[in-house]
């Protein structure tokens, strides 16, 4: 009976569902007509988007919106001189801090990945070849949690983000946090690679770890249930970029 129970618990359909969930991939398409990025589950840019990313000239530079309910759940801010970046995810500030001057090595503190009320440290590294620039997020045990593969030569199909491991499969909040931090880091590194100001910023930068955070008293932040993120005007929610 025990063997039969085990067989039932690991039926082919359940195994297939678990495998597809753990290997979930989102595709990142840029629309020049709308000047925004569409995040879809399918590789077809015409498929219905899950998320929309708007671009602004002034901070926050990236606005992440749920395509279904038009609520803003995150933002990303780049800096012309500093090699660090900043995010806001559902009302919580997240700093993406450089660990090295001339190497893609960053970290941020994640509350959605933590099993307690104290955030844990997630590390970002990268690898590249002639076609893609991969940004890989590692958990505190150095296990890969997500990989954002950016296409170097495609102006429309920006890339794809693959979520790895059971936590990313089970937690939509974690996937959204990784989407916000991963895309913000990608544009941060793109700015660093193309701006002479960022080059001198790296020379005078002080790399190091993010300051430790204490346990949170509550995950509730006013305005989050309506999809508002502090620092983002309501006119940004679900709206097209007006500055381009």
Protein backbone atom coordinates (compact mmCIF):
# COMPACT_ATOMS: atom_id res chain seq x y z
CA UNK A 1 0.00 0.00 0.00
CA UNK A 2 2.84 2.37 0.82
CA UNK A 3 4.36 1.84 -2.62
CA UNK A 4 0.99 2.43 -4.26
CA UNK A 5 0.57 5.65 -2.30
CA UNK A 6 3.98 6.83 -3.42
CA UNK A 7 3.13 6.03 -7.02
CA UNK A 8 -0.10 7.98 -6.77
CA UNK A 9 1.62 10.98 -5.22
CA UNK A 10 4.12 11.13 -8.06
CA UNK A 11 1.80 10.48 -10.98
CA UNK A 12 2.99 11.48 -14.48
CA UNK A 13 0.58 14.42 -14.64
CA UNK A 14 1.81 15.76 -11.30
CA UNK A 15 5.42 15.33 -12.33
CA UNK A 16 4.73 17.16 -15.59
CA UNK A 17 2.99 20.02 -13.80
CA UNK A 18 5.84 20.34 -11.30
CA UNK A 19 8.44 20.26 -14.06
CA UNK A 20 6.64 22.91 -16.11
CA UNK A 21 6.18 25.12 -13.04
CA UNK A 22 9.83 24.92 -11.99
CA UNK A 23 11.01 25.59 -15.54
CA UNK A 24 8.68 28.54 -16.14
CA UNK A 25 10.06 31.05 -18.59
CA UNK A 26 8.88 34.57 -19.37
CA UNK A 27 9.78 36.28 -22.64
CA UNK A 28 10.71 39.96 -22.81
CA UNK A 29 9.63 41.85 -25.95
CA UNK A 30 10.22 45.54 -26.64
CA UNK A 31 7.57 47.43 -28.61
CA UNK A 32 9.03 50.41 -30.46
CA UNK A 33 5.53 51.57 -31.38
CA UNK A 34 4.41 51.78 -27.74
CA UNK A 35 7.93 52.33 -26.35
CA UNK A 36 7.40 49.79 -23.61
CA UNK A 37 8.32 46.20 -22.85
CA UNK A 38 5.78 43.40 -22.85
CA UNK A 39 6.41 40.34 -20.66
CA UNK A 40 4.70 37.22 -22.01
CA UNK A 41 4.69 33.49 -21.31
CA UNK A 42 4.88 32.66 -24.99
CA UNK A 43 7.65 33.54 -27.42
CA UNK A 44 5.12 35.28 -29.68
CA UNK A 45 5.19 39.05 -29.03
CA UNK A 46 1.51 39.21 -30.03
CA UNK A 47 0.47 36.91 -27.18
CA UNK A 48 -1.35 38.46 -24.21
CA UNK A 49 1.20 40.07 -21.85
CA UNK A 50 1.40 39.30 -18.14
CA UNK A 51 3.40 42.41 -17.27
CA UNK A 52 4.23 45.74 -18.90
CA UNK A 53 7.36 47.82 -18.32
CA UNK A 54 7.17 51.56 -19.04
CA UNK A 55 10.29 53.72 -19.41
CA UNK A 56 10.68 57.23 -17.99
CA UNK A 57 13.39 59.84 -18.44
CA UNK A 58 13.22 60.78 -14.77
CA UNK A 59 13.29 58.50 -11.77
CA UNK A 60 11.91 55.99 -11.32
CA UNK A 61 13.08 54.99 -14.79
CA UNK A 62 11.29 51.66 -15.03
CA UNK A 63 7.63 51.14 -14.06
CA UNK A 64 6.45 47.52 -13.72
CA UNK A 65 2.69 47.04 -14.16
CA UNK A 66 0.42 44.01 -14.02
CA UNK A 67 -1.18 43.83 -17.46
CA UNK A 68 -4.43 42.34 -16.14
CA UNK A 69 -5.43 44.69 -13.32
CA UNK A 70 -3.24 47.66 -14.38
CA UNK A 71 -1.61 47.96 -10.95
CA UNK A 72 2.01 48.99 -10.43
CA UNK A 73 3.97 46.52 -8.30
CA UNK A 74 7.53 47.71 -8.76
CA UNK A 75 9.91 50.37 -10.05
CA UNK A 76 13.57 50.55 -10.99
CA UNK A 77 15.86 53.58 -10.72
CA UNK A 78 19.20 54.00 -12.50
CA UNK A 79 21.88 56.52 -11.59
CA UNK A 80 24.08 58.37 -14.10
CA UNK A 81 27.20 58.18 -11.89
CA UNK A 82 26.65 55.55 -9.21
CA UNK A 83 27.10 51.94 -10.29
CA UNK A 84 24.38 50.85 -7.86
CA UNK A 85 20.66 50.74 -8.66
CA UNK A 86 17.49 51.00 -6.61
CA UNK A 87 14.11 49.31 -6.76
CA UNK A 88 10.80 49.54 -5.00
CA UNK A 89 8.81 46.33 -4.83
CA UNK A 90 5.31 46.49 -3.36
CA UNK A 91 6.24 49.37 -1.09
CA UNK A 92 9.62 48.03 0.04
CA UNK A 93 12.89 49.66 -1.02
CA UNK A 94 15.51 47.30 -2.46
CA UNK A 95 19.08 48.40 -3.15
CA UNK A 96 21.01 46.53 -5.84
CA UNK A 97 24.59 47.12 -4.70
CA UNK A 98 27.80 46.42 -6.57
CA UNK A 99 30.28 44.06 -4.94
CA UNK A 100 33.01 44.69 -7.55
CA UNK A 101 33.99 47.68 -9.67
CA UNK A 102 34.73 46.00 -12.99
CA UNK A 103 32.81 42.74 -12.72
CA UNK A 104 29.09 42.00 -12.71
CA UNK A 105 28.71 41.07 -9.05
CA UNK A 106 25.74 42.54 -7.22
CA UNK A 107 23.53 41.68 -4.28
CA UNK A 108 20.14 42.64 -2.92
CA UNK A 109 18.10 41.69 0.12
CA UNK A 110 14.98 39.61 -0.51
CA UNK A 111 12.04 39.28 1.82
CA UNK A 112 10.00 37.13 -0.55
CA UNK A 113 12.68 34.41 -0.61
CA UNK A 114 13.13 34.40 3.16
CA UNK A 115 11.37 31.86 5.39
CA UNK A 116 11.38 34.38 8.26
CA UNK A 117 10.66 38.08 8.65
CA UNK A 118 14.35 38.88 8.12
CA UNK A 119 15.46 39.45 4.49
CA UNK A 120 18.11 37.16 3.01
CA UNK A 121 20.95 38.08 0.66
CA UNK A 122 20.59 37.24 -3.02
CA UNK A 123 23.63 37.52 -5.30
CA UNK A 124 23.70 38.41 -8.99
CA UNK A 125 26.48 37.36 -11.34
CA UNK A 126 26.76 37.21 -15.12
CA UNK A 127 28.15 35.29 -18.06
CA UNK A 128 28.20 36.19 -21.73
CA UNK A 129 29.02 34.94 -25.18
CA UNK A 130 28.70 36.40 -28.67
CA UNK A 131 24.88 36.27 -28.63
CA UNK A 132 23.60 36.55 -25.07
CA UNK A 133 24.39 38.27 -21.78
CA UNK A 134 23.17 36.14 -18.89
CA UNK A 135 22.35 37.55 -15.45
CA UNK A 136 22.07 34.79 -12.84
CA UNK A 137 20.54 35.20 -9.39
CA UNK A 138 21.82 32.93 -6.60
CA UNK A 139 20.24 32.30 -3.21
CA UNK A 140 22.21 32.41 0.10
CA UNK A 141 23.36 28.81 -0.56
CA UNK A 142 24.56 29.82 -4.06
CA UNK A 143 21.80 27.86 -5.78
CA UNK A 144 20.48 29.43 -9.00
CA UNK A 145 17.02 30.92 -8.61
CA UNK A 146 16.61 32.83 -11.87
CA UNK A 147 18.43 33.57 -15.11
CA UNK A 148 17.77 36.57 -17.32
CA UNK A 149 19.26 35.88 -20.75
CA UNK A 150 19.51 39.14 -22.70
CA UNK A 151 19.89 39.08 -26.47
CA UNK A 152 22.79 41.29 -27.53
CA UNK A 153 21.77 41.77 -31.16
CA UNK A 154 17.97 41.78 -31.15
CA UNK A 155 16.23 45.14 -30.71
CA UNK A 156 12.76 43.64 -30.20
CA UNK A 157 13.21 40.31 -28.45
CA UNK A 158 15.17 41.62 -25.48
CA UNK A 159 15.52 38.21 -23.87
CA UNK A 160 13.89 35.79 -21.48
CA UNK A 161 13.88 35.16 -17.76
CA UNK A 162 13.82 31.59 -16.48
CA UNK A 163 12.80 30.81 -12.90
CA UNK A 164 14.58 27.91 -11.22
CA UNK A 165 13.81 25.87 -8.13
CA UNK A 166 10.65 25.16 -6.13
CA UNK A 167 10.40 28.54 -4.39
CA UNK A 168 10.24 30.47 -7.64
CA UNK A 169 7.70 27.96 -8.94
CA UNK A 170 5.40 28.41 -5.94
CA UNK A 171 5.72 32.14 -5.23
CA UNK A 172 4.38 34.72 -7.67
CA UNK A 173 5.71 37.48 -5.42
CA UNK A 174 9.23 36.05 -5.69
CA UNK A 175 8.98 35.83 -9.48
CA UNK A 176 7.84 39.45 -9.64
CA UNK A 177 10.67 40.58 -7.36
CA UNK A 178 13.22 38.75 -9.53
CA UNK A 179 11.68 40.32 -12.63
CA UNK A 180 12.02 43.82 -11.16
CA UNK A 181 15.55 43.37 -9.82
CA UNK A 182 16.79 41.40 -12.83
CA UNK A 183 15.60 43.87 -15.45
CA UNK A 184 16.78 46.85 -13.39
CA UNK A 185 20.24 45.28 -13.10
CA UNK A 186 20.29 44.59 -16.85
CA UNK A 187 19.65 48.25 -17.67
CA UNK A 188 22.10 49.32 -14.98
CA UNK A 189 24.84 47.26 -16.64
CA UNK A 190 23.79 48.48 -20.10
CA UNK A 191 24.19 52.06 -18.85
CA UNK A 192 27.59 51.22 -17.38
CA UNK A 193 28.72 49.69 -20.68
CA UNK A 194 27.69 52.70 -22.77
CA UNK A 195 28.26 55.74 -20.54
CA UNK A 196 31.62 57.41 -19.92
CA UNK A 197 30.11 59.02 -16.81
CA UNK A 198 29.36 55.58 -15.36
CA UNK A 199 32.93 54.55 -16.18
CA UNK A 200 34.31 57.30 -13.96
CA UNK A 201 31.62 56.47 -11.42
CA UNK A 202 33.06 52.97 -11.17
CA UNK A 203 36.54 54.38 -10.54
CA UNK A 204 35.38 56.26 -7.48
CA UNK A 205 32.78 53.72 -6.35
CA UNK A 206 32.92 51.98 -3.00
CA UNK A 207 31.72 48.43 -3.63
CA UNK A 208 30.48 46.42 -0.69
CA UNK A 209 27.61 44.56 0.85
CA UNK A 210 24.14 45.94 1.40
CA UNK A 211 23.62 47.12 4.96
CA UNK A 212 21.92 44.37 7.01
CA UNK A 213 18.23 44.77 7.72
CA UNK A 214 16.32 43.77 10.82
CA UNK A 215 13.13 41.72 10.82
CA UNK A 216 10.05 43.39 9.43
CA UNK A 217 7.12 43.95 11.74
CA UNK A 218 4.53 43.67 9.00
CA UNK A 219 4.44 42.99 5.28
CA UNK A 220 1.45 45.33 4.87
CA UNK A 221 2.23 48.65 3.26
CA UNK A 222 -0.51 51.26 2.76
CA UNK A 223 -1.55 51.50 -0.87
CA UNK A 224 -0.08 48.15 -1.94
CA UNK A 225 -3.42 46.38 -2.02
CA UNK A 226 -4.55 48.92 -4.62
CA UNK A 227 -1.35 48.32 -6.57
CA UNK A 228 0.28 51.65 -5.76
CA UNK A 229 3.99 51.95 -5.11
CA UNK A 230 5.32 54.93 -3.16
CA UNK A 231 6.96 57.48 -5.47
CA UNK A 232 4.87 56.49 -8.49
CA UNK A 233 2.06 58.75 -9.55
CA UNK A 234 -1.30 57.13 -10.24
CA UNK A 235 -1.12 58.42 -13.80
CA UNK A 236 1.74 55.97 -14.41
CA UNK A 237 -0.43 52.98 -13.64
CA UNK A 238 -1.31 51.25 -16.87
CA UNK A 239 -0.48 54.38 -18.87
CA UNK A 240 1.75 54.72 -21.87
CA UNK A 241 4.99 56.64 -21.74
CA UNK A 242 4.19 60.28 -22.27
CA UNK A 243 7.76 61.50 -22.43
CA UNK A 244 8.70 59.67 -25.60
